[in-house]
Amino acid sequence: MSNSLLRPFALSQHPLRDRSYRLPTPAIEDFYALILDALERRRTGIMAYGRSRMGKTTAIDYLVALLSINLPKLPVIVLRCRYKRVPSETAFFSNFLNAVRHKVTNGRDTEQLRQRLVQRLCLMADTLGSDQLLLFADEAQNLTRSEYEWLRDIHDDLHHWGKTLLVALVGQPELKGEKSTFQRDGSMHIVSRFMVHELAFHGARTAEDCATCLQGYDQQEYPPGSGWSHSRFAFPHAHASGLRLANEGSAAWYAFDQAHRSTLLPQSLEIGMEFLTAAAEHLLLSNAVHDRSEFRPSIELWAQAVKASGYVEATLSEIAPPHH
């Protein structure tokens, strides 16, 4: 057997097993372009929103890694915005200090906490030789009006020290509703600062979208630069004879469409990235044992992969939550 058909290590050790890989998607590429444009134009805020499981948090992880390669001098912070009944200034600054890995994250003096945070952000920028910083606010629909005001104070403090903070709000569709609320009640200083430029995060809406996303399994390699794409690793024999997941877009779409029809829900099909990648992983890992030159995924195998992704159960539970 040719060495080109022998996996360099066991399939059980591949990132597909623990989902520790990240693939670019059309939505991620659009978000990246929006960030680059905002940095170029020195904008202070952008927002991206979409339903759960569309890949927003995964997108943040992917973009943090990509930016560290393409813009290594740009400090990037990820702030997880938690739901709270009553906003607390000390809790807000403590959470932010934790996000920037400050040694001292607690205290009762909010002014001291804020100064500590601003000093830390300035240090991060100066260390890298940058006058810009990027903050991803994940689950930003949880941010309250008060927290936007505190965020604005931080922005103004940084501006005083010659630094520009770009805030990328990432959250559920309620985030767009928050923007409308601020516009109605005259809080345009928040909208103009953080919410002018927006992006709707979509899942796969066509067979072509599926093909574009699945192509990542043919292009991304592990280890990087090894020539072993994810699809080749799962199916070295079939890959050598022409199998590519990019050609499976129509089959994947059909399988999801059939599953979607079974729910009898009226809305059109939009496949969240969580489900599309879960289906692809199941197809690759569960069928690697069947690898041979003539192997090609059947409609039945795609149907099994879609079932394993949990798409139907999750879709039904989102529309009609179970009663307790």
C-alpha atoms as a PDB file:
ATOM      1  CA  MET A   1       0.000   0.000   0.000  1.00  0.00           C
ATOM      2  CA  SER A   2       1.297   3.442  -0.938  1.00  0.00           C
ATOM      3  CA  ASN A   3       2.385   5.693   1.917  1.00  0.00           C
ATOM      4  CA  SER A   4       0.077   8.345   0.471  1.00  0.00           C
ATOM      5  CA  LEU A   5      -2.838   6.137   1.537  1.00  0.00           C
ATOM      6  CA  LEU A   6      -1.585   5.497   5.085  1.00  0.00           C
ATOM      7  CA  ARG A   7      -2.830   7.983   7.665  1.00  0.00           C
ATOM      8  CA  PRO A   8       0.114   9.564   9.541  1.00  0.00           C
ATOM      9  CA  PHE A   9      -1.599   8.806  12.876  1.00  0.00           C
ATOM     10  CA  ALA A  10      -4.785   7.245  14.221  1.00  0.00           C
ATOM     11  CA  LEU A  11      -8.140   8.761  13.326  1.00  0.00           C
ATOM     12  CA  SER A  12      -8.949   8.820  17.062  1.00  0.00           C
ATOM     13  CA  GLN A  13      -6.265  11.527  17.488  1.00  0.00           C
ATOM     14  CA  HIS A  14      -7.671  13.820  14.821  1.00  0.00           C
ATOM     15  CA  PRO A  15      -9.262  17.200  15.766  1.00  0.00           C
ATOM     16  CA  LEU A  16     -12.488  15.996  14.141  1.00  0.00           C
ATOM     17  CA  ARG A  17     -12.949  13.738  17.169  1.00  0.00           C
ATOM     18  CA  ASP A  18     -13.126  16.512  19.748  1.00  0.00           C
ATOM     19  CA  ARG A  19     -14.328  19.297  17.404  1.00  0.00           C
ATOM     20  CA  SER A  20     -11.186  21.315  18.109  1.00  0.00           C
ATOM     21  CA  TYR A  21     -10.890  22.526  14.512  1.00  0.00           C
ATOM     22  CA  ARG A  22     -12.417  25.696  13.025  1.00  0.00           C
ATOM     23  CA  LEU A  23     -13.558  26.150   9.439  1.00  0.00           C
ATOM     24  CA  PRO A  24     -14.212  29.423   7.613  1.00  0.00           C
ATOM     25  CA  THR A  25     -17.788  29.967   6.454  1.00  0.00           C
ATOM     26  CA  PRO A  26     -19.329  32.654   4.213  1.00  0.00           C
ATOM     27  CA  ALA A  27     -20.682  34.415   7.323  1.00  0.00           C
ATOM     28  CA  ILE A  28     -17.246  34.385   8.968  1.00  0.00           C
ATOM     29  CA  GLU A  29     -15.653  35.796   5.826  1.00  0.00           C
ATOM     30  CA  ASP A  30     -18.255  38.588   5.727  1.00  0.00           C
ATOM     31  CA  PHE A  31     -17.649  39.353   9.404  1.00  0.00           C
ATOM     32  CA  TYR A  32     -13.883  39.435   8.873  1.00  0.00           C
ATOM     33  CA  ALA A  33     -14.301  41.882   5.976  1.00  0.00           C
ATOM     34  CA  LEU A  34     -16.513  44.102   8.152  1.00  0.00           C
ATOM     35  CA  ILE A  35     -13.890  44.111  10.927  1.00  0.00           C
ATOM     36  CA  LEU A  36     -11.050  44.979   8.548  1.00  0.00           C
ATOM     37  CA  ASP A  37     -13.093  47.810   7.036  1.00  0.00           C
ATOM     38  CA  ALA A  38     -13.979  49.136  10.495  1.00  0.00           C
ATOM     39  CA  LEU A  39     -10.335  49.079  11.586  1.00  0.00           C
ATOM     40  CA  GLU A  40      -9.273  50.833   8.390  1.00  0.00           C
ATOM     41  CA  ARG A  41     -11.895  53.555   8.861  1.00  0.00           C
ATOM     42  CA  ARG A  42     -11.277  53.878  12.598  1.00  0.00           C
ATOM     43  CA  ARG A  43     -14.874  53.042  13.429  1.00  0.00           C
ATOM     44  CA  THR A  44     -15.809  52.468  17.046  1.00  0.00           C
ATOM     45  CA  GLY A  45     -18.471  49.801  16.786  1.00  0.00           C
ATOM     46  CA  ILE A  46     -20.000  47.090  14.605  1.00  0.00           C
ATOM     47  CA  MET A  47     -22.605  44.439  15.359  1.00  0.00           C
ATOM     48  CA  ALA A  48     -23.315  40.918  14.107  1.00  0.00           C
ATOM     49  CA  TYR A  49     -26.434  39.025  15.080  1.00  0.00           C
ATOM     50  CA  GLY A  50     -28.194  35.781  14.266  1.00  0.00           C
ATOM     51  CA  ARG A  51     -30.141  32.901  15.740  1.00  0.00           C
ATOM     52  CA  SER A  52     -28.413  30.451  18.051  1.00  0.00           C
ATOM     53  CA  ARG A  53     -26.316  27.710  16.505  1.00  0.00           C
ATOM     54  CA  MET A  54     -25.497  29.799  13.449  1.00  0.00           C
ATOM     55  CA  GLY A  55     -21.820  29.700  14.447  1.00  0.00           C
ATOM     56  CA  LYS A  56     -21.338  33.128  16.024  1.00  0.00           C
ATOM     57  CA  THR A  57     -19.211  32.070  19.002  1.00  0.00           C
ATOM     58  CA  THR A  58     -17.244  29.703  16.748  1.00  0.00           C
ATOM     59  CA  ALA A  59     -16.731  32.650  14.405  1.00  0.00           C
ATOM     60  CA  ILE A  60     -15.205  34.676  17.235  1.00  0.00           C
ATOM     61  CA  ASP A  61     -12.778  31.852  18.031  1.00  0.00           C
ATOM     62  CA  TYR A  62     -11.849  31.513  14.360  1.00  0.00           C
ATOM     63  CA  LEU A  63     -11.380  35.265  13.885  1.00  0.00           C
ATOM     64  CA  VAL A  64      -9.276  35.645  17.034  1.00  0.00           C
ATOM     65  CA  ALA A  65      -6.917  33.002  15.628  1.00  0.00           C
ATOM     66  CA  LEU A  66      -6.959  34.526  12.130  1.00  0.00           C
ATOM     67  CA  LEU A  67      -6.307  38.044  13.396  1.00  0.00           C
ATOM     68  CA  SER A  68      -3.385  36.831  15.504  1.00  0.00           C
ATOM     69  CA  ILE A  69      -1.785  35.671  12.235  1.00  0.00           C
ATOM     70  CA  ASN A  70      -2.810  38.456   9.859  1.00  0.00           C
ATOM     71  CA  LEU A  71      -2.728  41.387  12.329  1.00  0.00           C
ATOM     72  CA  PRO A  72      -0.318  40.210  15.048  1.00  0.00           C
ATOM     73  CA  LYS A  73       0.071  43.707  16.504  1.00  0.00           C
ATOM     74  CA  LEU A  74      -3.650  44.159  17.146  1.00  0.00           C
ATOM     75  CA  PRO A  75      -4.700  43.417  20.745  1.00  0.00           C
ATOM     76  CA  VAL A  76      -7.906  41.341  20.666  1.00  0.00           C
ATOM     77  CA  ILE A  77     -10.108  40.822  23.728  1.00  0.00           C
ATOM     78  CA  VAL A  78     -13.158  38.574  24.089  1.00  0.00           C
ATOM     79  CA  LEU A  79     -15.702  39.661  26.689  1.00  0.00           C
ATOM     80  CA  ARG A  80     -18.453  37.155  27.544  1.00  0.00           C
ATOM     81  CA  CYS A  81     -21.567  39.142  28.397  1.00  0.00           C
ATOM     82  CA  ARG A  82     -23.619  37.322  31.004  1.00  0.00           C
ATOM     83  CA  TYR A  83     -27.277  37.850  31.735  1.00  0.00           C
ATOM     84  CA  LYS A  84     -27.975  39.695  34.964  1.00  0.00           C
ATOM     85  CA  ARG A  85     -31.155  41.015  36.524  1.00  0.00           C
ATOM     86  CA  VAL A  86     -29.527  44.128  37.929  1.00  0.00           C
ATOM     87  CA  PRO A  87     -26.384  45.540  36.291  1.00  0.00           C
ATOM     88  CA  SER A  88     -23.471  46.104  38.643  1.00  0.00           C
ATOM     89  CA  GLU A  89     -20.626  48.439  37.775  1.00  0.00           C
ATOM     90  CA  THR A  90     -18.153  46.489  39.901  1.00  0.00           C
ATOM     91  CA  ALA A  91     -19.239  43.189  38.317  1.00  0.00           C
ATOM     92  CA  PHE A  92     -18.926  44.682  34.819  1.00  0.00           C
ATOM     93  CA  PHE A  93     -15.386  45.957  35.364  1.00  0.00           C
ATOM     94  CA  SER A  94     -14.349  42.776  37.198  1.00  0.00           C
ATOM     95  CA  ASN A  95     -15.548  40.675  34.253  1.00  0.00           C
ATOM     96  CA  PHE A  96     -13.694  42.957  31.838  1.00  0.00           C
ATOM     97  CA  LEU A  97     -10.503  42.825  33.932  1.00  0.00           C
ATOM     98  CA  ASN A  98     -10.754  39.050  33.912  1.00  0.00           C
ATOM     99  CA  ALA A  99     -11.104  39.088  30.100  1.00  0.00           C
ATOM    100  CA  VAL A 100      -7.819  41.025  29.792  1.00  0.00           C
ATOM    101  CA  ARG A 101      -6.191  38.646  32.293  1.00  0.00           C
ATOM    102  CA  HIS A 102      -5.439  41.270  34.915  1.00  0.00           C
ATOM    103  CA  LYS A 103      -4.056  39.859  38.160  1.00  0.00           C
ATOM    104  CA  VAL A 104      -6.449  41.923  40.292  1.00  0.00           C
ATOM    105  CA  THR A 105     -10.054  41.665  39.133  1.00  0.00           C
ATOM    106  CA  ASN A 106     -11.973  42.507  42.299  1.00  0.00           C
ATOM    107  CA  GLY A 107     -12.572  45.612  44.377  1.00  0.00           C
ATOM    108  CA  ARG A 108     -15.342  47.927  45.510  1.00  0.00           C
ATOM    109  CA  ASP A 109     -14.055  51.231  44.153  1.00  0.00           C
ATOM    110  CA  THR A 110     -15.452  51.374  40.610  1.00  0.00           C
ATOM    111  CA  GLU A 111     -13.265  54.323  39.624  1.00  0.00           C
ATOM    112  CA  GLN A 112     -10.199  52.360  40.662  1.00  0.00           C
ATOM    113  CA  LEU A 113     -11.399  49.312  38.714  1.00  0.00           C
ATOM    114  CA  ARG A 114     -11.994  51.421  35.603  1.00  0.00           C
ATOM    115  CA  GLN A 115      -8.562  53.048  35.803  1.00  0.00           C
ATOM    116  CA  ARG A 116      -6.969  49.642  36.304  1.00  0.00           C
ATOM    117  CA  LEU A 117      -8.753  48.375  33.195  1.00  0.00           C
ATOM    118  CA  VAL A 118      -7.816  51.365  31.026  1.00  0.00           C
ATOM    119  CA  GLN A 119      -4.173  51.109  32.128  1.00  0.00           C
ATOM    120  CA  ARG A 120      -4.164  47.417  31.244  1.00  0.00           C
ATOM    121  CA  LEU A 121      -5.666  48.069  27.797  1.00  0.00           C
ATOM    122  CA  CYS A 122      -3.131  50.829  27.116  1.00  0.00           C
ATOM    123  CA  LEU A 123      -0.323  48.504  28.163  1.00  0.00           C
ATOM    124  CA  MET A 124      -1.599  45.756  25.838  1.00  0.00           C
ATOM    125  CA  ALA A 125      -1.630  48.204  22.930  1.00  0.00           C
ATOM    126  CA  ASP A 126       1.753  49.763  23.747  1.00  0.00           C
ATOM    127  CA  THR A 127       3.395  46.341  24.162  1.00  0.00           C
ATOM    128  CA  LEU A 128       2.363  45.403  20.628  1.00  0.00           C
ATOM    129  CA  GLY A 129       3.044  48.864  19.231  1.00  0.00           C
ATOM    130  CA  SER A 130      -0.597  49.477  18.321  1.00  0.00           C
ATOM    131  CA  ASP A 131      -2.953  52.413  18.804  1.00  0.00           C
ATOM    132  CA  GLN A 132      -6.020  50.257  18.097  1.00  0.00           C
ATOM    133  CA  LEU A 133      -7.721  47.483  20.083  1.00  0.00           C
ATOM    134  CA  LEU A 134     -10.544  45.115  19.158  1.00  0.00           C
ATOM    135  CA  LEU A 135     -13.133  43.916  21.660  1.00  0.00           C
ATOM    136  CA  PHE A 136     -15.530  41.082  20.830  1.00  0.00           C
ATOM    137  CA  ALA A 137     -18.581  41.323  23.108  1.00  0.00           C
ATOM    138  CA  ASP A 138     -20.083  37.832  22.891  1.00  0.00           C
ATOM    139  CA  GLU A 139     -23.797  37.371  23.734  1.00  0.00           C
ATOM    140  CA  ALA A 140     -24.046  41.146  23.533  1.00  0.00           C
ATOM    141  CA  GLN A 141     -27.851  41.047  23.714  1.00  0.00           C
ATOM    142  CA  ASN A 142     -27.260  40.675  27.479  1.00  0.00           C
ATOM    143  CA  LEU A 143     -25.668  44.118  27.734  1.00  0.00           C
ATOM    144  CA  THR A 144     -27.802  46.707  29.541  1.00  0.00           C
ATOM    145  CA  ARG A 145     -28.046  50.423  28.853  1.00  0.00           C
ATOM    146  CA  SER A 146     -25.828  51.122  31.880  1.00  0.00           C
ATOM    147  CA  GLU A 147     -23.157  48.746  30.588  1.00  0.00           C
ATOM    148  CA  TYR A 148     -23.129  50.521  27.230  1.00  0.00           C
ATOM    149  CA  GLU A 149     -22.543  53.763  29.128  1.00  0.00           C
ATOM    150  CA  TRP A 150     -19.636  52.190  31.033  1.00  0.00           C
ATOM    151  CA  LEU A 151     -18.256  50.830  27.771  1.00  0.00           C
ATOM    152  CA  ARG A 152     -18.483  54.329  26.306  1.00  0.00           C
ATOM    153  CA  ASP A 153     -16.522  55.699  29.295  1.00  0.00           C
ATOM    154  CA  ILE A 154     -13.755  53.166  28.645  1.00  0.00           C
ATOM    155  CA  HIS A 155     -13.714  54.138  24.989  1.00  0.00           C
ATOM    156  CA  ASP A 156     -13.418  57.827  25.882  1.00  0.00           C
ATOM    157  CA  ASP A 157     -10.640  57.150  28.404  1.00  0.00           C
ATOM    158  CA  LEU A 158      -8.684  55.203  25.789  1.00  0.00           C
ATOM    159  CA  HIS A 159      -9.206  57.988  23.255  1.00  0.00           C
ATOM    160  CA  HIS A 160      -7.643  60.379  25.779  1.00  0.00           C
ATOM    161  CA  TRP A 161      -4.523  58.192  25.705  1.00  0.00           C
ATOM    162  CA  GLY A 162      -4.472  58.070  21.892  1.00  0.00           C
ATOM    163  CA  LYS A 163      -6.043  54.632  21.550  1.00  0.00           C
ATOM    164  CA  THR A 164      -9.048  53.587  19.465  1.00  0.00           C
ATOM    165  CA  LEU A 165     -11.276  50.746  20.682  1.00  0.00           C
ATOM    166  CA  LEU A 166     -13.380  48.883  18.104  1.00  0.00           C
ATOM    167  CA  VAL A 167     -16.259  47.082  19.813  1.00  0.00           C
ATOM    168  CA  ALA A 168     -17.706  44.140  17.847  1.00  0.00           C
ATOM    169  CA  LEU A 169     -21.077  43.269  19.361  1.00  0.00           C
ATOM    170  CA  VAL A 170     -22.047  39.652  18.657  1.00  0.00           C
ATOM    171  CA  GLY A 171     -25.390  38.245  19.748  1.00  0.00           C
ATOM    172  CA  GLN A 172     -28.900  36.979  19.161  1.00  0.00           C
ATOM    173  CA  PRO A 173     -31.447  38.781  16.930  1.00  0.00           C
ATOM    174  CA  GLU A 174     -32.608  40.691  20.042  1.00  0.00           C
ATOM    175  CA  LEU A 175     -29.463  42.771  19.541  1.00  0.00           C
ATOM    176  CA  LYS A 176     -31.070  44.424  16.517  1.00  0.00           C
ATOM    177  CA  GLY A 177     -34.153  45.022  18.646  1.00  0.00           C
ATOM    178  CA  GLU A 178     -31.978  46.775  21.231  1.00  0.00           C
ATOM    179  CA  LYS A 179     -30.698  49.077  18.511  1.00  0.00           C
ATOM    180  CA  SER A 180     -34.285  49.967  17.558  1.00  0.00           C
ATOM    181  CA  THR A 181     -35.135  50.649  21.214  1.00  0.00           C
ATOM    182  CA  PHE A 182     -32.170  52.990  21.611  1.00  0.00           C
ATOM    183  CA  GLN A 183     -33.157  54.788  18.414  1.00  0.00           C
ATOM    184  CA  ARG A 184     -36.742  55.261  19.601  1.00  0.00           C
ATOM    185  CA  ASP A 185     -35.859  56.644  23.024  1.00  0.00           C
ATOM    186  CA  GLY A 186     -33.198  59.016  21.749  1.00  0.00           C
ATOM    187  CA  SER A 187     -30.077  57.159  22.935  1.00  0.00           C
ATOM    188  CA  MET A 188     -28.335  57.881  19.650  1.00  0.00           C
ATOM    189  CA  HIS A 189     -24.981  58.291  21.391  1.00  0.00           C
ATOM    190  CA  ILE A 190     -25.022  54.521  21.998  1.00  0.00           C
ATOM    191  CA  VAL A 191     -26.252  53.667  18.492  1.00  0.00           C
ATOM    192  CA  SER A 192     -23.783  55.976  16.729  1.00  0.00           C
ATOM    193  CA  ARG A 193     -20.921  54.705  18.868  1.00  0.00           C
ATOM    194  CA  PHE A 194     -21.517  50.955  18.691  1.00  0.00           C
ATOM    195  CA  MET A 195     -24.376  49.956  16.367  1.00  0.00           C
ATOM    196  CA  VAL A 196     -24.268  51.789  13.039  1.00  0.00           C
ATOM    197  CA  HIS A 197     -22.647  49.048  10.966  1.00  0.00           C
ATOM    198  CA  GLU A 198     -24.320  45.646  11.210  1.00  0.00           C
ATOM    199  CA  LEU A 199     -24.196  42.146   9.771  1.00  0.00           C
ATOM    200  CA  ALA A 200     -26.918  39.490   9.873  1.00  0.00           C
ATOM    201  CA  PHE A 201     -25.351  36.081  10.576  1.00  0.00           C
ATOM    202  CA  HIS A 202     -26.940  33.409   8.376  1.00  0.00           C
ATOM    203  CA  GLY A 203     -26.610  29.668   8.185  1.00  0.00           C
ATOM    204  CA  ALA A 204     -26.552  27.685   4.943  1.00  0.00           C
ATOM    205  CA  ARG A 205     -29.578  28.639   2.823  1.00  0.00           C
ATOM    206  CA  THR A 206     -28.790  26.794  -0.395  1.00  0.00           C
ATOM    207  CA  ALA A 207     -26.980  23.732  -1.686  1.00  0.00           C
ATOM    208  CA  GLU A 208     -24.250  26.114  -2.850  1.00  0.00           C
ATOM    209  CA  ASP A 209     -23.829  27.412   0.710  1.00  0.00           C
ATOM    210  CA  CYS A 210     -23.452  23.827   1.909  1.00  0.00           C
ATOM    211  CA  ALA A 211     -20.828  23.133  -0.759  1.00  0.00           C
ATOM    212  CA  THR A 212     -18.884  26.264   0.206  1.00  0.00           C
ATOM    213  CA  CYS A 213     -18.811  25.225   3.859  1.00  0.00           C
ATOM    214  CA  LEU A 214     -18.011  21.568   3.127  1.00  0.00           C
ATOM    215  CA  GLN A 215     -15.133  22.635   0.901  1.00  0.00           C
ATOM    216  CA  GLY A 216     -13.314  23.612   4.079  1.00  0.00           C
ATOM    217  CA  TYR A 217     -12.894  19.910   4.878  1.00  0.00           C
ATOM    218  CA  ASP A 218     -11.061  19.502   1.559  1.00  0.00           C
ATOM    219  CA  GLN A 219      -8.838  22.544   2.096  1.00  0.00           C
ATOM    220  CA  GLN A 220      -7.952  22.655   5.792  1.00  0.00           C
ATOM    221  CA  GLU A 221      -5.076  20.351   6.689  1.00  0.00           C
ATOM    222  CA  TYR A 222      -3.993  18.690   9.895  1.00  0.00           C
ATOM    223  CA  PRO A 223      -1.204  18.915  10.734  1.00  0.00           C
ATOM    224  CA  PRO A 224      -1.057  22.288   8.894  1.00  0.00           C
ATOM    225  CA  GLY A 225       0.945  22.051   5.675  1.00  0.00           C
ATOM    226  CA  SER A 226       0.983  18.237   5.735  1.00  0.00           C
ATOM    227  CA  GLY A 227      -1.207  17.763   2.681  1.00  0.00           C
ATOM    228  CA  TRP A 228      -3.664  15.748   4.807  1.00  0.00           C
ATOM    229  CA  SER A 229      -6.973  17.536   4.481  1.00  0.00           C
ATOM    230  CA  HIS A 230      -9.786  16.414   6.786  1.00  0.00           C
ATOM    231  CA  SER A 231     -11.590  14.614   3.946  1.00  0.00           C
ATOM    232  CA  ARG A 232      -8.386  12.908   2.806  1.00  0.00           C
ATOM    233  CA  PHE A 233      -7.659  11.800   6.378  1.00  0.00           C
ATOM    234  CA  ALA A 234     -11.055  10.124   6.714  1.00  0.00           C
ATOM    235  CA  PHE A 235     -11.066   8.608   3.221  1.00  0.00           C
ATOM    236  CA  PRO A 236      -7.513   8.357   1.834  1.00  0.00           C
ATOM    237  CA  HIS A 237      -8.463   5.809  -0.863  1.00  0.00           C
ATOM    238  CA  ALA A 238     -11.653   7.567  -1.946  1.00  0.00           C
ATOM    239  CA  HIS A 239      -9.891  10.926  -1.830  1.00  0.00           C
ATOM    240  CA  ALA A 240      -7.142   9.630  -4.101  1.00  0.00           C
ATOM    241  CA  SER A 241      -9.815   8.649  -6.633  1.00  0.00           C
ATOM    242  CA  GLY A 242     -11.591  12.008  -6.518  1.00  0.00           C
ATOM    243  CA  LEU A 243     -13.887  12.199  -3.483  1.00  0.00           C
ATOM    244  CA  ARG A 244     -14.307  15.788  -2.277  1.00  0.00           C
ATOM    245  CA  LEU A 245     -16.849  17.011   0.255  1.00  0.00           C
ATOM    246  CA  ALA A 246     -17.259  20.184  -1.810  1.00  0.00           C
ATOM    247  CA  ASN A 247     -19.147  18.009  -4.297  1.00  0.00           C
ATOM    248  CA  GLU A 248     -21.574  16.881  -1.568  1.00  0.00           C
ATOM    249  CA  GLY A 249     -23.398  20.203  -1.182  1.00  0.00           C
ATOM    250  CA  SER A 250     -26.548  19.060  -2.988  1.00  0.00           C
ATOM    251  CA  ALA A 251     -26.687  15.744  -1.121  1.00  0.00           C
ATOM    252  CA  ALA A 252     -26.224  17.456   2.241  1.00  0.00           C
ATOM    253  CA  TRP A 253     -28.871  20.073   1.426  1.00  0.00           C
ATOM    254  CA  TYR A 254     -31.333  17.400   0.287  1.00  0.00           C
ATOM    255  CA  ALA A 255     -30.835  15.400   3.501  1.00  0.00           C
ATOM    256  CA  PHE A 256     -31.365  18.470   5.697  1.00  0.00           C
ATOM    257  CA  ASP A 257     -34.347  19.533   3.575  1.00  0.00           C
ATOM    258  CA  GLN A 258     -35.991  16.135   4.046  1.00  0.00           C
ATOM    259  CA  ALA A 259     -35.369  16.331   7.800  1.00  0.00           C
ATOM    260  CA  HIS A 260     -36.739  19.878   7.884  1.00  0.00           C
ATOM    261  CA  ARG A 261     -39.898  18.825   6.029  1.00  0.00           C
ATOM    262  CA  SER A 262     -40.468  16.132   8.634  1.00  0.00           C
ATOM    263  CA  THR A 263     -40.844  18.853  11.271  1.00  0.00           C
ATOM    264  CA  LEU A 264     -43.831  20.321   9.358  1.00  0.00           C
ATOM    265  CA  LEU A 265     -42.604  23.786  10.335  1.00  0.00           C
ATOM    266  CA  PRO A 266     -43.529  26.623   7.972  1.00  0.00           C
ATOM    267  CA  GLN A 267     -40.258  28.559   7.921  1.00  0.00           C
ATOM    268  CA  SER A 268     -37.768  27.973   5.125  1.00  0.00           C
ATOM    269  CA  LEU A 269     -34.688  25.873   5.729  1.00  0.00           C
ATOM    270  CA  GLU A 270     -31.601  27.558   7.129  1.00  0.00           C
ATOM    271  CA  ILE A 271     -28.939  25.175   8.423  1.00  0.00           C
ATOM    272  CA  GLY A 272     -26.957  26.380  11.414  1.00  0.00           C
ATOM    273  CA  MET A 273     -23.220  25.760  11.178  1.00  0.00           C
ATOM    274  CA  GLU A 274     -23.334  23.680  14.343  1.00  0.00           C
ATOM    275  CA  PHE A 275     -25.550  21.139  12.606  1.00  0.00           C
ATOM    276  CA  LEU A 276     -23.831  21.170   9.218  1.00  0.00           C
ATOM    277  CA  THR A 277     -20.422  20.568  10.785  1.00  0.00           C
ATOM    278  CA  ALA A 278     -21.845  17.910  13.135  1.00  0.00           C
ATOM    279  CA  ALA A 279     -23.312  16.089  10.129  1.00  0.00           C
ATOM    280  CA  ALA A 280     -20.035  16.331   8.213  1.00  0.00           C
ATOM    281  CA  GLU A 281     -18.087  15.024  11.222  1.00  0.00           C
ATOM    282  CA  HIS A 282     -20.457  12.069  11.585  1.00  0.00           C
ATOM    283  CA  LEU A 283     -20.154  11.277   7.880  1.00  0.00           C
ATOM    284  CA  LEU A 284     -16.350  11.392   7.992  1.00  0.00           C
ATOM    285  CA  LEU A 285     -15.765   9.583  11.278  1.00  0.00           C
ATOM    286  CA  SER A 286     -18.492   6.944  11.117  1.00  0.00           C
ATOM    287  CA  ASN A 287     -17.754   5.918   7.559  1.00  0.00           C
ATOM    288  CA  ALA A 288     -13.958   6.059   7.535  1.00  0.00           C
ATOM    289  CA  VAL A 289     -13.976   2.300   8.098  1.00  0.00           C
ATOM    290  CA  HIS A 290     -15.682   1.905   4.701  1.00  0.00           C
ATOM    291  CA  ASP A 291     -12.961   3.790   2.839  1.00  0.00           C
ATOM    292  CA  ARG A 292     -12.133   2.361  -0.565  1.00  0.00           C
ATOM    293  CA  SER A 293     -11.477   3.866  -3.987  1.00  0.00           C
ATOM    294  CA  GLU A 294     -15.074   3.624  -5.136  1.00  0.00           C
ATOM    295  CA  PHE A 295     -16.647   4.860  -1.882  1.00  0.00           C
ATOM    296  CA  ARG A 296     -18.959   7.865  -2.221  1.00  0.00           C
ATOM    297  CA  PRO A 297     -21.442   9.040   0.438  1.00  0.00           C
ATOM    298  CA  SER A 298     -24.974   7.939  -0.373  1.00  0.00           C
ATOM    299  CA  ILE A 299     -28.183   9.849   0.314  1.00  0.00           C
ATOM    300  CA  GLU A 300     -28.845   7.312   3.089  1.00  0.00           C
ATOM    301  CA  LEU A 301     -25.498   8.053   4.739  1.00  0.00           C
ATOM    302  CA  TRP A 302     -26.203  11.782   4.604  1.00  0.00           C
ATOM    303  CA  ALA A 303     -29.643  11.167   6.128  1.00  0.00           C
ATOM    304  CA  GLN A 304     -27.982   9.273   8.988  1.00  0.00           C
ATOM    305  CA  ALA A 305     -25.475  12.126   9.422  1.00  0.00           C
ATOM    306  CA  VAL A 306     -28.240  14.725   9.591  1.00  0.00           C
ATOM    307  CA  LYS A 307     -30.110  12.636  12.148  1.00  0.00           C
ATOM    308  CA  ALA A 308     -26.947  12.321  14.239  1.00  0.00           C
ATOM    309  CA  SER A 309     -26.470  16.122  14.113  1.00  0.00           C
ATOM    310  CA  GLY A 310     -29.585  16.619  16.253  1.00  0.00           C
ATOM    311  CA  TYR A 311     -31.035  19.158  13.827  1.00  0.00           C
ATOM    312  CA  VAL A 312     -34.666  18.027  14.053  1.00  0.00           C
ATOM    313  CA  GLU A 313     -34.782  17.837  17.856  1.00  0.00           C
ATOM    314  CA  ALA A 314     -33.088  21.210  18.285  1.00  0.00           C
ATOM    315  CA  THR A 315     -35.317  22.899  15.700  1.00  0.00           C
ATOM    316  CA  LEU A 316     -38.495  21.581  17.280  1.00  0.00           C
ATOM    317  CA  SER A 317     -37.353  22.545  20.780  1.00  0.00           C
ATOM    318  CA  GLU A 318     -36.565  26.105  19.660  1.00  0.00           C
ATOM    319  CA  ILE A 319     -40.027  26.564  18.181  1.00  0.00           C
ATOM    320  CA  ALA A 320     -41.979  24.784  20.897  1.00  0.00           C
ATOM    321  CA  PRO A 321     -40.077  24.592  24.209  1.00  0.00           C
ATOM    322  CA  PRO A 322     -41.145  21.642  26.367  1.00  0.00           C
ATOM    323  CA  HIS A 323     -43.601  22.400  29.161  1.00  0.00           C
ATOM    324  CA  HIS A 324     -42.572  21.487  32.691  1.00  0.00           C
END
